[in-house]
Amino acid sequence: MRLSPVMTVMQSAAQKAAKRLLRDFNEVEQLQVSIKGPGDFVSQADLRAEQTLREELERARPGYAFLMEESGESGGENWTWRWIVDPLDGTTNFLHGIPHWAISIGLQRRMPDGRIELAAGLVYNPAANEMFWAEKGTGAFLNERRIRVSARRDMQESVFATGIPFAKVPARQRLPFARVMGNLMPRVAGIRRFGAAALDLAWVAAGRYEGYWEFGIKPWDCAAGILIVREAGGQVTDPAGLDLDTMPDDVMIVAGNGIMHKKLLEIVADSLTDQP
């Protein structure tokens, strides 16, 4: 498949970072790990992958701004193009030898009228050799195959994904999550928590899940996946139904195929409204 210049850059950078990550993953017990907080780890693997991605993207597109998980924001405030990068989404899975983790690269563009839109996204799981990617207006792909969201319309036949709150998640986010779970569980075929938001969104795009929701994730967890879901025919918004192209620091996200996004959005909105 003939890739655009920007997608060629993104895939090349991801594949280069993935080579070292795979070596580290095969020797995970020997990694030196420091603790950022309960249940939230950063390893040498994260840092090396982020450095590789930054070097590759910066060399190919000098002048683009960055928002990266480990090193934060860089570049001018009035950027026209900005990379949003998570070098290792699913770090806890990685450090436990679970082959469900990914590199996530999103690209934002500031339009002449000031609007910000997502222009491209890539989510790569090296352990499974699955590269999910999309550019605005061109569709979504898994490796070289076009993908579409699920066509299921019945919630009782549908599987949803989420991120269950863990030690570092503030208490204010736990109750809304529990309300959504309580309202959703009796209506669906299953709810899954696999521990990598970027892959949850990619799997919605590929039709493996009918929907996904999560509270309090970061832009680098979801920027790429948001565009991939959209280009696969799905919908992604916050609980109020607003788009997420600009993305706040703490993202509340609801995604799904057209039917399931609407149904899940109603459940999430009702659960948030029910708070005391």
C-alpha atoms as a PDB file:
ATOM      1  CA  MET A   1       0.000   0.000   0.000  1.00  0.00           C
ATOM      2  CA  ARG A   2       1.291   3.450  -0.915  1.00  0.00           C
ATOM      3  CA  LEU A   3       1.454   5.625   2.215  1.00  0.00           C
ATOM      4  CA  SER A   4       1.322   9.399   2.372  1.00  0.00           C
ATOM      5  CA  PRO A   5       4.580  11.145   3.344  1.00  0.00           C
ATOM      6  CA  VAL A   6       3.367  11.917   6.879  1.00  0.00           C
ATOM      7  CA  MET A   7       2.110   8.370   7.496  1.00  0.00           C
ATOM      8  CA  THR A   8       5.398   6.994   6.174  1.00  0.00           C
ATOM      9  CA  VAL A   9       7.169   9.127   8.787  1.00  0.00           C
ATOM     10  CA  MET A  10       4.840   7.965  11.565  1.00  0.00           C
ATOM     11  CA  GLN A  11       5.076   4.274  10.754  1.00  0.00           C
ATOM     12  CA  SER A  12       8.848   4.399  10.335  1.00  0.00           C
ATOM     13  CA  ALA A  13       9.268   6.128  13.712  1.00  0.00           C
ATOM     14  CA  ALA A  14       6.961   3.641  15.450  1.00  0.00           C
ATOM     15  CA  GLN A  15       8.728   0.638  13.953  1.00  0.00           C
ATOM     16  CA  LYS A  16      12.132   1.934  14.993  1.00  0.00           C
ATOM     17  CA  ALA A  17      11.008   2.533  18.579  1.00  0.00           C
ATOM     18  CA  ALA A  18       9.286  -0.862  18.609  1.00  0.00           C
ATOM     19  CA  LYS A  19      12.499  -2.783  17.936  1.00  0.00           C
ATOM     20  CA  ARG A  20      14.046  -1.700  21.235  1.00  0.00           C
ATOM     21  CA  LEU A  21      10.755  -2.061  23.108  1.00  0.00           C
ATOM     22  CA  LEU A  22      10.458  -5.666  21.952  1.00  0.00           C
ATOM     23  CA  ARG A  23      13.996  -6.396  23.150  1.00  0.00           C
ATOM     24  CA  ASP A  24      13.175  -4.858  26.518  1.00  0.00           C
ATOM     25  CA  PHE A  25       9.875  -6.740  26.675  1.00  0.00           C
ATOM     26  CA  ASN A  26      11.701 -10.034  26.215  1.00  0.00           C
ATOM     27  CA  GLU A  27      13.970  -9.107  29.130  1.00  0.00           C
ATOM     28  CA  VAL A  28      11.348  -7.375  31.251  1.00  0.00           C
ATOM     29  CA  GLU A  29      12.547  -8.850  34.529  1.00  0.00           C
ATOM     30  CA  GLN A  30      15.887  -7.082  34.153  1.00  0.00           C
ATOM     31  CA  LEU A  31      14.461  -3.603  33.489  1.00  0.00           C
ATOM     32  CA  GLN A  32      15.215  -0.947  36.068  1.00  0.00           C
ATOM     33  CA  VAL A  33      11.896   0.543  37.057  1.00  0.00           C
ATOM     34  CA  SER A  34      11.217   3.684  39.053  1.00  0.00           C
ATOM     35  CA  ILE A  35       7.818   4.380  40.565  1.00  0.00           C
ATOM     36  CA  LYS A  36       5.991   7.609  39.660  1.00  0.00           C
ATOM     37  CA  GLY A  37       3.043   6.723  41.868  1.00  0.00           C
ATOM     38  CA  PRO A  38       0.929   3.742  42.925  1.00  0.00           C
ATOM     39  CA  GLY A  39       0.192   1.619  39.881  1.00  0.00           C
ATOM     40  CA  ASP A  40       1.789   4.150  37.515  1.00  0.00           C
ATOM     41  CA  PHE A  41       5.267   3.142  36.436  1.00  0.00           C
ATOM     42  CA  VAL A  42       7.917   4.564  34.170  1.00  0.00           C
ATOM     43  CA  SER A  43      10.710   2.362  32.923  1.00  0.00           C
ATOM     44  CA  GLN A  44      13.862   2.803  30.941  1.00  0.00           C
ATOM     45  CA  ALA A  45      11.882   1.344  28.054  1.00  0.00           C
ATOM     46  CA  ASP A  46       9.401   4.261  28.124  1.00  0.00           C
ATOM     47  CA  LEU A  47      12.149   6.840  28.130  1.00  0.00           C
ATOM     48  CA  ARG A  48      14.226   5.233  25.379  1.00  0.00           C
ATOM     49  CA  ALA A  49      11.167   4.791  23.159  1.00  0.00           C
ATOM     50  CA  GLU A  50      10.106   8.399  23.654  1.00  0.00           C
ATOM     51  CA  GLN A  51      13.579   9.646  22.775  1.00  0.00           C
ATOM     52  CA  THR A  52      13.638   7.541  19.607  1.00  0.00           C
ATOM     53  CA  LEU A  53      10.199   8.739  18.539  1.00  0.00           C
ATOM     54  CA  ARG A  54      11.076  12.366  19.166  1.00  0.00           C
ATOM     55  CA  GLU A  55      14.332  12.129  17.222  1.00  0.00           C
ATOM     56  CA  GLU A  56      12.682  10.419  14.247  1.00  0.00           C
ATOM     57  CA  LEU A  57       9.654  12.724  14.095  1.00  0.00           C
ATOM     58  CA  GLU A  58      11.703  15.885  14.643  1.00  0.00           C
ATOM     59  CA  ARG A  59      14.196  14.976  11.950  1.00  0.00           C
ATOM     60  CA  ALA A  60      11.426  14.319   9.424  1.00  0.00           C
ATOM     61  CA  ARG A  61       9.245  17.292  10.399  1.00  0.00           C
ATOM     62  CA  PRO A  62      11.390  20.014  12.008  1.00  0.00           C
ATOM     63  CA  GLY A  63       9.373  22.760  13.636  1.00  0.00           C
ATOM     64  CA  TYR A  64       6.415  20.611  14.666  1.00  0.00           C
ATOM     65  CA  ALA A  65       5.457  20.964  18.347  1.00  0.00           C
ATOM     66  CA  PHE A  66       5.233  17.999  20.741  1.00  0.00           C
ATOM     67  CA  LEU A  67       3.041  16.806  23.591  1.00  0.00           C
ATOM     68  CA  MET A  68       4.653  13.663  25.025  1.00  0.00           C
ATOM     69  CA  GLU A  69       3.800  11.562  28.066  1.00  0.00           C
ATOM     70  CA  GLU A  70       7.187  11.676  29.759  1.00  0.00           C
ATOM     71  CA  SER A  71       8.684  14.998  28.627  1.00  0.00           C
ATOM     72  CA  GLY A  72       5.535  17.104  28.308  1.00  0.00           C
ATOM     73  CA  GLU A  73       4.995  20.012  25.902  1.00  0.00           C
ATOM     74  CA  SER A  74       7.591  21.624  23.668  1.00  0.00           C
ATOM     75  CA  GLY A  75       7.531  23.978  20.695  1.00  0.00           C
ATOM     76  CA  GLY A  76       5.864  27.335  20.263  1.00  0.00           C
ATOM     77  CA  GLU A  77       2.404  28.067  21.645  1.00  0.00           C
ATOM     78  CA  ASN A  78       1.134  29.071  18.208  1.00  0.00           C
ATOM     79  CA  TRP A  79       2.069  25.809  16.545  1.00  0.00           C
ATOM     80  CA  THR A  80       0.441  24.769  13.273  1.00  0.00           C
ATOM     81  CA  TRP A  81       1.233  21.064  13.646  1.00  0.00           C
ATOM     82  CA  ARG A  82       1.695  19.103  16.883  1.00  0.00           C
ATOM     83  CA  TRP A  83       2.626  15.499  17.601  1.00  0.00           C
ATOM     84  CA  ILE A  84       0.874  13.853  20.588  1.00  0.00           C
ATOM     85  CA  VAL A  85       2.915  10.809  21.601  1.00  0.00           C
ATOM     86  CA  ASP A  86       2.644   7.972  24.098  1.00  0.00           C
ATOM     87  CA  PRO A  87       5.777   5.852  23.682  1.00  0.00           C
ATOM     88  CA  LEU A  88       4.346   2.960  25.688  1.00  0.00           C
ATOM     89  CA  ASP A  89       0.632   2.805  26.417  1.00  0.00           C
ATOM     90  CA  GLY A  90      -0.028  -0.107  28.725  1.00  0.00           C
ATOM     91  CA  THR A  91       3.187   0.169  30.746  1.00  0.00           C
ATOM     92  CA  THR A  92       1.874  -2.003  33.574  1.00  0.00           C
ATOM     93  CA  ASN A  93       1.028  -4.771  31.084  1.00  0.00           C
ATOM     94  CA  PHE A  94       4.521  -4.404  29.603  1.00  0.00           C
ATOM     95  CA  LEU A  95       6.214  -4.674  32.997  1.00  0.00           C
ATOM     96  CA  HIS A  96       4.213  -7.801  33.846  1.00  0.00           C
ATOM     97  CA  GLY A  97       5.048  -9.553  30.583  1.00  0.00           C
ATOM     98  CA  ILE A  98       1.526  -9.158  29.156  1.00  0.00           C
ATOM     99  CA  PRO A  99       1.720  -8.627  25.371  1.00  0.00           C
ATOM    100  CA  HIS A 100      -0.962  -5.940  25.222  1.00  0.00           C
ATOM    101  CA  TRP A 101       0.728  -2.540  24.907  1.00  0.00           C
ATOM    102  CA  ALA A 102       1.224  -0.020  22.148  1.00  0.00           C
ATOM    103  CA  ILE A 103       2.968   2.999  20.714  1.00  0.00           C
ATOM    104  CA  SER A 104       0.513   5.813  20.021  1.00  0.00           C
ATOM    105  CA  ILE A 105       1.208   8.806  17.744  1.00  0.00           C
ATOM    106  CA  GLY A 106      -1.406  11.451  16.974  1.00  0.00           C
ATOM    107  CA  LEU A 107      -1.008  14.534  14.811  1.00  0.00           C
ATOM    108  CA  GLN A 108      -3.005  17.727  15.366  1.00  0.00           C
ATOM    109  CA  ARG A 109      -3.360  20.625  12.942  1.00  0.00           C
ATOM    110  CA  ARG A 110      -4.345  24.200  13.785  1.00  0.00           C
ATOM    111  CA  MET A 111      -6.515  25.567  10.995  1.00  0.00           C
ATOM    112  CA  PRO A 112      -6.310  29.185   9.723  1.00  0.00           C
ATOM    113  CA  ASP A 113      -9.499  30.047  11.650  1.00  0.00           C
ATOM    114  CA  GLY A 114      -7.963  28.750  14.889  1.00  0.00           C
ATOM    115  CA  ARG A 115      -9.820  25.446  15.039  1.00  0.00           C
ATOM    116  CA  ILE A 116      -7.756  22.390  15.966  1.00  0.00           C
ATOM    117  CA  GLU A 117      -8.396  19.082  14.243  1.00  0.00           C
ATOM    118  CA  LEU A 118      -6.868  15.636  14.404  1.00  0.00           C
ATOM    119  CA  ALA A 119      -5.115  14.982  11.108  1.00  0.00           C
ATOM    120  CA  ALA A 120      -3.525  11.528  11.550  1.00  0.00           C
ATOM    121  CA  GLY A 121      -3.243   8.740  14.077  1.00  0.00           C
ATOM    122  CA  LEU A 122      -1.304   5.528  14.582  1.00  0.00           C
ATOM    123  CA  VAL A 123      -1.549   2.837  17.274  1.00  0.00           C
ATOM    124  CA  TYR A 124       1.019   0.042  16.980  1.00  0.00           C
ATOM    125  CA  ASN A 125       1.131  -3.141  19.070  1.00  0.00           C
ATOM    126  CA  PRO A 126       4.561  -4.598  18.247  1.00  0.00           C
ATOM    127  CA  ALA A 127       3.984  -7.825  20.197  1.00  0.00           C
ATOM    128  CA  ALA A 128       1.059  -8.687  17.897  1.00  0.00           C
ATOM    129  CA  ASN A 129       2.480  -6.832  14.852  1.00  0.00           C
ATOM    130  CA  GLU A 130      -0.787  -4.898  14.515  1.00  0.00           C
ATOM    131  CA  MET A 131      -0.540  -1.374  13.133  1.00  0.00           C
ATOM    132  CA  PHE A 132      -3.793   0.586  13.301  1.00  0.00           C
ATOM    133  CA  TRP A 133      -3.672   3.895  11.415  1.00  0.00           C
ATOM    134  CA  ALA A 134      -5.730   6.576   9.757  1.00  0.00           C
ATOM    135  CA  GLU A 135      -5.569  10.001   8.177  1.00  0.00           C
ATOM    136  CA  LYS A 136      -8.467  12.410   8.137  1.00  0.00           C
ATOM    137  CA  GLY A 137     -10.760  11.677   5.217  1.00  0.00           C
ATOM    138  CA  THR A 138      -9.007   8.515   4.005  1.00  0.00           C
ATOM    139  CA  GLY A 139     -10.428   5.706   6.162  1.00  0.00           C
ATOM    140  CA  ALA A 140      -8.905   3.501   8.842  1.00  0.00           C
ATOM    141  CA  PHE A 141      -6.608   0.504   8.407  1.00  0.00           C
ATOM    142  CA  LEU A 142      -5.118  -2.439  10.272  1.00  0.00           C
ATOM    143  CA  ASN A 143      -1.778  -3.078   8.607  1.00  0.00           C
ATOM    144  CA  GLU A 144      -2.899  -3.009   4.937  1.00  0.00           C
ATOM    145  CA  ARG A 145      -6.547  -3.978   5.493  1.00  0.00           C
ATOM    146  CA  ARG A 146      -9.394  -1.461   5.666  1.00  0.00           C
ATOM    147  CA  ILE A 147     -11.313  -1.684   8.939  1.00  0.00           C
ATOM    148  CA  ARG A 148     -14.815  -0.644  10.009  1.00  0.00           C
ATOM    149  CA  VAL A 149     -16.576  -0.421  13.345  1.00  0.00           C
ATOM    150  CA  SER A 150     -18.950  -3.213  14.337  1.00  0.00           C
ATOM    151  CA  ALA A 151     -22.430  -3.226  12.837  1.00  0.00           C
ATOM    152  CA  ARG A 152     -24.089  -4.701  15.953  1.00  0.00           C
ATOM    153  CA  ARG A 153     -27.164  -2.817  17.134  1.00  0.00           C
ATOM    154  CA  ASP A 154     -28.273  -4.946  20.108  1.00  0.00           C
ATOM    155  CA  MET A 155     -26.574  -4.209  23.428  1.00  0.00           C
ATOM    156  CA  GLN A 156     -27.165  -7.766  24.635  1.00  0.00           C
ATOM    157  CA  GLU A 157     -24.861  -8.969  21.844  1.00  0.00           C
ATOM    158  CA  SER A 158     -22.265  -6.262  22.403  1.00  0.00           C
ATOM    159  CA  VAL A 159     -18.921  -6.119  24.223  1.00  0.00           C
ATOM    160  CA  PHE A 160     -17.621  -2.882  25.718  1.00  0.00           C
ATOM    161  CA  ALA A 161     -14.208  -1.852  26.982  1.00  0.00           C
ATOM    162  CA  THR A 162     -13.188   0.469  29.784  1.00  0.00           C
ATOM    163  CA  GLY A 163     -10.376   1.300  32.162  1.00  0.00           C
ATOM    164  CA  ILE A 164     -11.150   0.275  35.737  1.00  0.00           C
ATOM    165  CA  PRO A 165      -9.879   2.884  38.247  1.00  0.00           C
ATOM    166  CA  PHE A 166      -6.736   1.856  40.097  1.00  0.00           C
ATOM    167  CA  ALA A 167      -4.605   3.285  42.896  1.00  0.00           C
ATOM    168  CA  LYS A 168      -3.724   6.661  41.369  1.00  0.00           C
ATOM    169  CA  VAL A 169      -7.238   7.492  40.125  1.00  0.00           C
ATOM    170  CA  PRO A 170      -8.875  10.222  42.263  1.00  0.00           C
ATOM    171  CA  ALA A 171     -11.848   9.206  44.387  1.00  0.00           C
ATOM    172  CA  ARG A 172     -14.058  11.728  42.528  1.00  0.00           C
ATOM    173  CA  GLN A 173     -13.733   9.579  39.383  1.00  0.00           C
ATOM    174  CA  ARG A 174     -14.419   6.218  41.014  1.00  0.00           C
ATOM    175  CA  LEU A 175     -18.097   6.724  41.855  1.00  0.00           C
ATOM    176  CA  PRO A 176     -19.121   7.846  38.341  1.00  0.00           C
ATOM    177  CA  PHE A 177     -17.281   4.830  36.935  1.00  0.00           C
ATOM    178  CA  ALA A 178     -19.095   2.477  39.350  1.00  0.00           C
ATOM    179  CA  ARG A 179     -22.438   3.989  38.346  1.00  0.00           C
ATOM    180  CA  VAL A 180     -21.752   3.406  34.640  1.00  0.00           C
ATOM    181  CA  MET A 181     -20.664  -0.177  35.323  1.00  0.00           C
ATOM    182  CA  GLY A 182     -23.747  -0.844  37.418  1.00  0.00           C
ATOM    183  CA  ASN A 183     -26.061   0.518  34.745  1.00  0.00           C
ATOM    184  CA  LEU A 184     -24.289  -1.127  31.808  1.00  0.00           C
ATOM    185  CA  MET A 185     -23.507  -4.635  33.093  1.00  0.00           C
ATOM    186  CA  PRO A 186     -27.074  -6.015  33.054  1.00  0.00           C
ATOM    187  CA  ARG A 187     -27.583  -4.904  29.451  1.00  0.00           C
ATOM    188  CA  VAL A 188     -24.520  -6.204  27.594  1.00  0.00           C
ATOM    189  CA  ALA A 189     -22.681  -9.368  26.577  1.00  0.00           C
ATOM    190  CA  GLY A 190     -19.525  -8.330  28.418  1.00  0.00           C
ATOM    191  CA  ILE A 191     -17.211  -5.588  29.641  1.00  0.00           C
ATOM    192  CA  ARG A 192     -13.444  -5.871  29.196  1.00  0.00           C
ATOM    193  CA  ARG A 193     -10.509  -4.128  30.867  1.00  0.00           C
ATOM    194  CA  PHE A 194      -7.260  -4.905  29.035  1.00  0.00           C
ATOM    195  CA  GLY A 195      -5.196  -1.972  30.287  1.00  0.00           C
ATOM    196  CA  ALA A 196      -4.279   0.101  27.209  1.00  0.00           C
ATOM    197  CA  ALA A 197      -6.620   2.929  26.203  1.00  0.00           C
ATOM    198  CA  ALA A 198      -5.042   3.401  22.776  1.00  0.00           C
ATOM    199  CA  LEU A 199      -5.689  -0.238  21.914  1.00  0.00           C
ATOM    200  CA  ASP A 200      -9.225  -0.084  23.335  1.00  0.00           C
ATOM    201  CA  LEU A 201     -10.011   2.633  20.796  1.00  0.00           C
ATOM    202  CA  ALA A 202      -8.206   0.801  17.992  1.00  0.00           C
ATOM    203  CA  TRP A 203     -10.226  -2.318  18.767  1.00  0.00           C
ATOM    204  CA  VAL A 204     -13.469  -0.327  18.596  1.00  0.00           C
ATOM    205  CA  ALA A 205     -12.359   0.824  15.146  1.00  0.00           C
ATOM    206  CA  ALA A 206     -11.673  -2.766  14.119  1.00  0.00           C
ATOM    207  CA  GLY A 207     -15.098  -3.969  15.300  1.00  0.00           C
ATOM    208  CA  ARG A 208     -13.752  -6.061  18.184  1.00  0.00           C
ATOM    209  CA  TYR A 209     -15.618  -3.920  20.706  1.00  0.00           C
ATOM    210  CA  GLU A 210     -18.907  -2.150  20.164  1.00  0.00           C
ATOM    211  CA  GLY A 211     -17.963   0.687  22.491  1.00  0.00           C
ATOM    212  CA  TYR A 212     -15.540   2.096  25.032  1.00  0.00           C
ATOM    213  CA  TRP A 213     -15.654   4.679  27.817  1.00  0.00           C
ATOM    214  CA  GLU A 214     -13.174   5.964  30.353  1.00  0.00           C
ATOM    215  CA  PHE A 215     -12.741   8.940  32.686  1.00  0.00           C
ATOM    216  CA  GLY A 216      -9.552  10.877  33.369  1.00  0.00           C
ATOM    217  CA  ILE A 217      -7.224   9.624  30.648  1.00  0.00           C
ATOM    218  CA  LYS A 218      -4.644  11.861  28.973  1.00  0.00           C
ATOM    219  CA  PRO A 219      -4.464  13.253  25.423  1.00  0.00           C
ATOM    220  CA  TRP A 220      -1.545  10.973  24.517  1.00  0.00           C
ATOM    221  CA  ASP A 221      -3.653   7.941  25.506  1.00  0.00           C
ATOM    222  CA  CYS A 222      -6.409   8.725  23.043  1.00  0.00           C
ATOM    223  CA  ALA A 223      -5.464  11.280  20.352  1.00  0.00           C
ATOM    224  CA  ALA A 224      -4.537   8.696  17.727  1.00  0.00           C
ATOM    225  CA  GLY A 225      -7.367   6.334  18.616  1.00  0.00           C
ATOM    226  CA  ILE A 226     -10.017   9.033  18.364  1.00  0.00           C
ATOM    227  CA  LEU A 227      -9.228   9.666  14.710  1.00  0.00           C
ATOM    228  CA  ILE A 228      -8.909   5.956  13.901  1.00  0.00           C
ATOM    229  CA  VAL A 229     -12.394   5.281  15.320  1.00  0.00           C
ATOM    230  CA  ARG A 230     -13.871   8.172  13.360  1.00  0.00           C
ATOM    231  CA  GLU A 231     -12.273   7.087  10.115  1.00  0.00           C
ATOM    232  CA  ALA A 232     -13.595   3.562  10.718  1.00  0.00           C
ATOM    233  CA  GLY A 233     -17.128   4.958  10.804  1.00  0.00           C
ATOM    234  CA  GLY A 234     -17.534   5.323  14.567  1.00  0.00           C
ATOM    235  CA  GLN A 235     -18.149   8.239  16.876  1.00  0.00           C
ATOM    236  CA  VAL A 236     -16.049   9.598  19.747  1.00  0.00           C
ATOM    237  CA  THR A 237     -17.091  12.404  22.091  1.00  0.00           C
ATOM    238  CA  ASP A 238     -17.006  13.504  25.685  1.00  0.00           C
ATOM    239  CA  PRO A 239     -20.062  12.647  27.860  1.00  0.00           C
ATOM    240  CA  ALA A 240     -21.764  15.867  26.714  1.00  0.00           C
ATOM    241  CA  GLY A 241     -21.501  14.759  23.078  1.00  0.00           C
ATOM    242  CA  LEU A 242     -18.787  17.283  22.185  1.00  0.00           C
ATOM    243  CA  ASP A 243     -15.831  16.402  19.975  1.00  0.00           C
ATOM    244  CA  LEU A 244     -12.375  15.926  21.487  1.00  0.00           C
ATOM    245  CA  ASP A 245     -10.043  17.415  18.877  1.00  0.00           C
ATOM    246  CA  THR A 246      -8.639  19.959  21.322  1.00  0.00           C
ATOM    247  CA  MET A 247      -8.610  17.509  24.290  1.00  0.00           C
ATOM    248  CA  PRO A 248      -8.415  18.801  27.876  1.00  0.00           C
ATOM    249  CA  ASP A 249      -5.716  17.572  30.244  1.00  0.00           C
ATOM    250  CA  ASP A 250      -8.110  15.008  31.733  1.00  0.00           C
ATOM    251  CA  VAL A 251     -10.212  13.421  29.016  1.00  0.00           C
ATOM    252  CA  MET A 252     -13.626  11.860  29.571  1.00  0.00           C
ATOM    253  CA  ILE A 253     -14.326   9.743  26.523  1.00  0.00           C
ATOM    254  CA  VAL A 254     -17.191   7.736  25.031  1.00  0.00           C
ATOM    255  CA  ALA A 255     -16.686   5.830  21.765  1.00  0.00           C
ATOM    256  CA  GLY A 256     -18.596   3.331  19.694  1.00  0.00           C
ATOM    257  CA  ASN A 257     -20.335   2.550  16.451  1.00  0.00           C
ATOM    258  CA  GLY A 258     -23.153   4.955  15.641  1.00  0.00           C
ATOM    259  CA  ILE A 259     -25.866   3.036  17.505  1.00  0.00           C
ATOM    260  CA  MET A 260     -23.770   1.983  20.503  1.00  0.00           C
ATOM    261  CA  HIS A 261     -22.155   5.372  20.945  1.00  0.00           C
ATOM    262  CA  LYS A 262     -25.597   6.918  21.380  1.00  0.00           C
ATOM    263  CA  LYS A 263     -26.731   4.230  23.839  1.00  0.00           C
ATOM    264  CA  LEU A 264     -23.516   4.286  25.823  1.00  0.00           C
ATOM    265  CA  LEU A 265     -23.535   8.090  25.877  1.00  0.00           C
ATOM    266  CA  GLU A 266     -27.012   8.054  27.453  1.00  0.00           C
ATOM    267  CA  ILE A 267     -25.888   5.620  30.163  1.00  0.00           C
ATOM    268  CA  VAL A 268     -22.739   7.607  30.916  1.00  0.00           C
ATOM    269  CA  ALA A 269     -24.626  10.912  30.999  1.00  0.00           C
ATOM    270  CA  ASP A 270     -27.316   9.488  33.288  1.00  0.00           C
ATOM    271  CA  SER A 271     -24.664   8.022  35.591  1.00  0.00           C
ATOM    272  CA  LEU A 272     -22.901  11.377  35.885  1.00  0.00           C
ATOM    273  CA  THR A 273     -26.188  13.208  36.453  1.00  0.00           C
ATOM    274  CA  ASP A 274     -27.082  10.796  39.275  1.00  0.00           C
ATOM    275  CA  GLN A 275     -24.103  11.881  41.370  1.00  0.00           C
ATOM    276  CA  PRO A 276     -25.073  13.167  44.847  1.00  0.00           C
END
